[in-house]
Protein backbone atom coordinates (compact mmCIF):
# COMPACT_ATOMS: atom_id res chain seq x y z
CA UNK A 1 7.38 2.76 -27.86
CA UNK A 2 9.36 -0.47 -27.84
CA UNK A 3 9.39 -3.01 -30.68
CA UNK A 4 6.51 -1.06 -32.26
CA UNK A 5 4.45 -1.55 -29.11
CA UNK A 6 2.80 1.41 -27.44
CA UNK A 7 3.36 1.79 -23.69
CA UNK A 8 1.38 3.73 -21.11
CA UNK A 9 2.53 4.40 -17.55
CA UNK A 10 -0.30 4.79 -15.06
CA UNK A 11 0.32 6.32 -11.64
CA UNK A 12 -2.60 5.94 -9.22
CA UNK A 13 -2.81 8.55 -6.46
CA UNK A 14 -5.87 8.82 -4.25
CA UNK A 15 -6.48 11.97 -2.25
CA UNK A 16 -7.39 10.04 0.89
CA UNK A 17 -4.77 8.30 3.00
CA UNK A 18 -5.36 7.11 6.56
CA UNK A 19 -1.77 6.09 7.28
CA UNK A 20 -0.21 9.38 6.19
CA UNK A 21 -2.68 12.09 5.12
CA UNK A 22 -1.66 13.94 1.96
CA UNK A 23 1.27 11.59 1.37
CA UNK A 24 1.15 11.66 -2.44
CA UNK A 25 2.06 15.35 -2.55
CA UNK A 26 3.99 15.50 0.71
CA UNK A 27 7.47 17.00 0.09
CA UNK A 28 10.18 14.35 -0.13
CA UNK A 29 13.75 15.57 -0.56
CA UNK A 30 12.55 18.78 -2.15
CA UNK A 31 9.81 17.39 -4.41
CA UNK A 32 6.24 16.16 -3.95
CA UNK A 33 6.27 12.40 -3.47
CA UNK A 34 4.40 11.76 -6.71
CA UNK A 35 6.95 13.80 -8.68
CA UNK A 36 9.58 11.08 -8.27
CA UNK A 37 7.39 8.53 -10.08
CA UNK A 38 6.38 10.95 -12.83
CA UNK A 39 9.98 11.93 -13.49
CA UNK A 40 11.17 8.33 -13.75
CA UNK A 41 8.35 7.54 -16.17
CA UNK A 42 9.18 10.56 -18.32
CA UNK A 43 12.85 9.56 -18.37
CA UNK A 44 11.96 6.22 -19.95
CA UNK A 45 12.91 5.78 -23.60
CA UNK A 46 9.97 3.47 -24.19
CA UNK A 47 6.95 4.97 -22.42
CA UNK A 48 4.66 6.93 -24.76
CA UNK A 49 2.15 8.33 -22.25
CA UNK A 50 2.45 9.13 -18.54
CA UNK A 51 -0.89 9.57 -16.80
CA UNK A 52 -1.91 10.14 -13.20
CA UNK A 53 -5.31 8.89 -12.13
CA UNK A 54 -6.58 10.68 -9.03
CA UNK A 55 -9.76 11.91 -7.39
CA UNK A 56 -7.99 14.99 -5.97
CA UNK A 57 -7.71 18.30 -7.80
CA UNK A 58 -4.69 19.20 -5.66
CA UNK A 59 -2.86 16.05 -6.75
CA UNK A 60 -3.96 16.65 -10.35
CA UNK A 61 -2.49 20.15 -10.31
CA UNK A 62 0.82 18.89 -8.92
CA UNK A 63 0.94 16.05 -11.46
CA UNK A 64 0.25 18.41 -14.36
CA UNK A 65 3.03 20.67 -13.13
CA UNK A 66 5.40 17.68 -13.19
CA UNK A 67 4.55 16.85 -16.80
CA UNK A 68 2.00 14.04 -16.44
CA UNK A 69 -1.34 13.87 -18.20
CA UNK A 70 -4.44 14.09 -16.00
CA UNK A 71 -7.34 13.95 -18.45
CA UNK A 72 -10.01 13.23 -15.80
CA UNK A 73 -10.67 13.07 -12.09
CA UNK A 74 -11.26 9.50 -10.94
CA UNK A 75 -14.87 8.70 -10.00
CA UNK A 76 -15.62 8.24 -6.30
CA UNK A 77 -16.28 4.50 -6.52
CA UNK A 78 -12.69 4.01 -7.73
CA UNK A 79 -11.21 6.18 -4.98
CA UNK A 80 -12.40 4.25 -1.93
CA UNK A 81 -10.30 2.09 0.38
CA UNK A 82 -11.78 -0.99 -1.28
CA UNK A 83 -11.19 0.03 -4.90
CA UNK A 84 -8.70 -2.23 -6.66
CA UNK A 85 -5.66 -1.15 -8.66
CA UNK A 86 -6.85 -3.30 -11.55
CA UNK A 87 -10.21 -1.53 -11.77
CA UNK A 88 -8.49 1.84 -11.58
CA UNK A 89 -6.05 0.97 -14.36
CA UNK A 90 -8.74 -0.52 -16.60
CA UNK A 91 -10.83 2.61 -16.12
CA UNK A 92 -7.88 4.65 -17.38
CA UNK A 93 -7.35 2.39 -20.39
CA UNK A 94 -11.07 2.55 -21.21
CA UNK A 95 -10.98 6.35 -21.04
CA UNK A 96 -8.03 6.63 -23.41
CA UNK A 97 -9.61 4.16 -25.83
CA UNK A 98 -13.19 5.42 -25.76
CA UNK A 99 -12.67 9.17 -25.25
CA UNK A 100 -9.25 9.89 -26.75
CA UNK A 101 -9.05 7.11 -29.32
CA UNK A 102 -5.71 5.80 -28.01
CA UNK A 103 -4.86 2.19 -27.27
CA UNK A 104 -1.74 0.65 -25.77
CA UNK A 105 -0.01 -2.70 -25.89
CA UNK A 106 1.75 -2.57 -22.53
CA UNK A 107 0.73 -1.08 -19.21
CA UNK A 108 3.26 0.08 -16.62
CA UNK A 109 1.81 0.54 -13.13
CA UNK A 110 3.95 2.84 -10.97
CA UNK A 111 2.97 3.25 -7.34
CA UNK A 112 3.93 6.72 -6.06
CA UNK A 113 4.60 5.17 -2.65
CA UNK A 114 7.67 3.41 -4.10
CA UNK A 115 9.85 6.36 -5.15
CA UNK A 116 13.24 4.65 -4.90
CA UNK A 117 13.42 3.63 -8.56
CA UNK A 118 16.78 3.73 -10.27
CA UNK A 119 16.97 5.49 -13.64
CA UNK A 120 17.13 2.30 -15.70
CA UNK A 121 14.64 0.13 -13.83
CA UNK A 122 11.56 0.75 -15.95
CA UNK A 123 13.31 0.31 -19.29
CA UNK A 124 15.22 -2.68 -17.94
CA UNK A 125 11.94 -4.34 -17.05
CA UNK A 126 10.39 -3.51 -20.42
CA UNK A 127 13.45 -4.82 -22.24
CA UNK A 128 13.39 -8.11 -20.31
CA UNK A 129 9.66 -8.59 -20.85
CA UNK A 130 9.81 -7.87 -24.58
CA UNK A 131 12.89 -10.07 -25.02
CA UNK A 132 10.88 -12.93 -23.50
CA UNK A 133 7.47 -12.08 -24.96
CA UNK A 134 6.94 -15.64 -26.20
CA UNK A 135 7.07 -16.92 -22.63
CA UNK A 136 5.82 -14.07 -20.41
CA UNK A 137 2.96 -11.57 -20.36
CA UNK A 138 4.01 -9.60 -17.28
CA UNK A 139 6.97 -8.63 -15.13
CA UNK A 140 7.01 -7.59 -11.47
CA UNK A 141 9.73 -5.90 -9.42
CA UNK A 142 10.74 -7.98 -6.40
CA UNK A 143 13.14 -7.53 -3.51
CA UNK A 144 14.52 -10.06 -1.06
CA UNK A 145 12.89 -9.85 2.35
CA UNK A 146 14.95 -10.08 5.51
CA UNK A 147 12.00 -10.94 7.78
CA UNK A 148 11.83 -14.49 6.48
CA UNK A 149 8.41 -16.22 6.48
CA UNK A 150 9.84 -19.18 8.38
CA UNK A 151 10.31 -17.10 11.53
CA UNK A 152 7.00 -15.21 11.44
CA UNK A 153 4.49 -15.84 14.24
CA UNK A 154 0.79 -15.58 14.87
CA UNK A 155 -0.58 -14.85 18.32
CA UNK A 156 -3.08 -17.17 19.98
CA UNK A 157 -4.13 -15.99 23.42
CA UNK A 158 -0.87 -15.56 25.30
CA UNK A 159 1.11 -17.90 23.06
CA UNK A 160 3.05 -17.56 19.83
CA UNK A 161 2.60 -20.10 17.06
CA UNK A 162 4.37 -20.48 13.70
CA UNK A 163 2.58 -18.44 11.08
CA UNK A 164 3.53 -20.99 8.43
CA UNK A 165 3.56 -24.42 10.02
CA UNK A 166 4.96 -26.08 6.88
CA UNK A 167 8.14 -23.95 6.91
CA UNK A 168 10.97 -25.20 9.08
CA UNK A 169 12.66 -22.43 11.07
CA UNK A 170 16.41 -22.39 10.71
CA UNK A 171 18.89 -20.98 13.19
CA UNK A 172 20.57 -18.59 10.78
CA UNK A 173 19.00 -16.25 8.23
CA UNK A 174 21.53 -17.23 5.56
CA UNK A 175 20.38 -20.86 5.81
CA UNK A 176 16.89 -19.98 4.55
CA UNK A 177 15.86 -20.21 0.95
CA UNK A 178 15.54 -16.52 -0.10
CA UNK A 179 12.02 -15.09 -0.06
CA UNK A 180 10.92 -12.15 -2.18
CA UNK A 181 8.24 -9.47 -1.92
CA UNK A 182 6.70 -7.61 -4.89
CA UNK A 183 7.65 -4.03 -4.07
CA UNK A 184 5.98 -1.36 -6.19
CA UNK A 185 8.89 -0.16 -8.30
CA UNK A 186 6.89 -1.31 -11.34
CA UNK A 187 4.34 -3.82 -12.53
CA UNK A 188 4.22 -4.27 -16.30
CA UNK A 189 1.66 -6.35 -18.18
CA UNK A 190 0.21 -6.58 -21.66
CA UNK A 191 -3.07 -4.74 -21.98
CA UNK A 192 -4.76 -7.83 -23.42
CA UNK A 193 -3.70 -9.91 -20.42
CA UNK A 194 -4.91 -7.28 -17.98
CA UNK A 195 -8.31 -7.13 -19.66
CA UNK A 196 -8.72 -10.90 -19.86
CA UNK A 197 -7.28 -11.99 -16.50
CA UNK A 198 -7.65 -8.79 -14.45
CA UNK A 199 -4.35 -9.22 -12.60
CA UNK A 200 -0.77 -7.99 -12.60
CA UNK A 201 0.28 -11.52 -11.59
CA UNK A 202 -0.80 -13.71 -14.49
CA UNK A 203 0.50 -17.28 -14.70
CA UNK A 204 3.07 -16.20 -17.29
CA UNK A 205 4.84 -13.59 -15.17
CA UNK A 206 8.57 -13.07 -14.69
CA UNK A 207 10.51 -10.88 -12.25
CA UNK A 208 12.99 -8.03 -11.99
CA UNK A 209 15.08 -8.02 -8.83
CA UNK A 210 15.65 -4.62 -7.20
CA UNK A 211 18.38 -3.51 -4.81
CA UNK A 212 18.22 -3.65 -1.03
CA UNK A 213 17.77 0.11 -0.58
CA UNK A 214 14.73 0.06 -2.87
CA UNK A 215 12.79 -2.42 -0.73
CA UNK A 216 10.59 0.14 1.00
CA UNK A 217 7.04 1.37 0.44
CA UNK A 218 5.43 4.39 2.08
CA UNK A 219 2.28 3.68 4.06
CA UNK A 220 2.86 5.79 7.17
CA UNK A 221 5.19 8.39 8.66
CA UNK A 222 7.73 5.77 9.76
CA UNK A 223 8.01 4.48 6.18
CA UNK A 224 8.27 8.02 4.86
CA UNK A 225 11.18 8.87 7.14
CA UNK A 226 12.99 5.65 6.22
CA UNK A 227 12.58 6.31 2.49
CA UNK A 228 13.70 9.91 2.91
CA UNK A 229 16.83 8.72 4.71
CA UNK A 230 17.57 6.09 2.05
CA UNK A 231 17.09 8.62 -0.71
CA UNK A 232 19.51 11.06 0.89
CA UNK A 233 22.02 8.29 1.54
CA UNK A 234 21.90 6.70 -1.93
CA UNK A 235 21.31 9.66 -4.22
CA UNK A 236 22.69 12.78 -2.52
CA UNK A 237 26.19 12.29 -3.94
CA UNK A 238 25.04 11.47 -7.48
């Protein structure tokens, strides 16, 4: 709880994954991938409930062993490749409200495929959002991208064309206006905003900038190996 507001952390973890089968419970530096997200959520001083929503009993068993709540298995229509994160999160909120009689003021979405969270990231984001509650309803973690949009291409036949024709390409990366990508360290939004606007990017959203080594998400084996290397490099001596 923060400022008398109740906070739920929701970690979505489907059983199916085409890019890297079984990735959510694949061992990463000695722990199942999903364990890193659960542990960071449980370390938070402000989160009241940590829940994993999954359609897989294997993932549910691992999540329970790591200390998360798994009060249901996600229905099939919310576990497909086309199911949205918003629908999945709202289903969880509905379950807690209608079945368990619990409501929350703030929702923290933690993607298990972004395990490189620092210990204070979640609470830092909550603190910033609550300190600016009159102006913002959501906060998103962002990291600076090094593959700048101005240099990206699209392929037409045997030619390359600018992907963004309205962006002038500069000769040096440092001459570009910095561009940022919303990496999945955390998305935090008020429950009312999520219900009314159905997005983690409402008009009144602010940002939390993460470090360079955190700017990775796991979609395939290549990503997994990069994250594993970064984790060993950044955290092994701590």
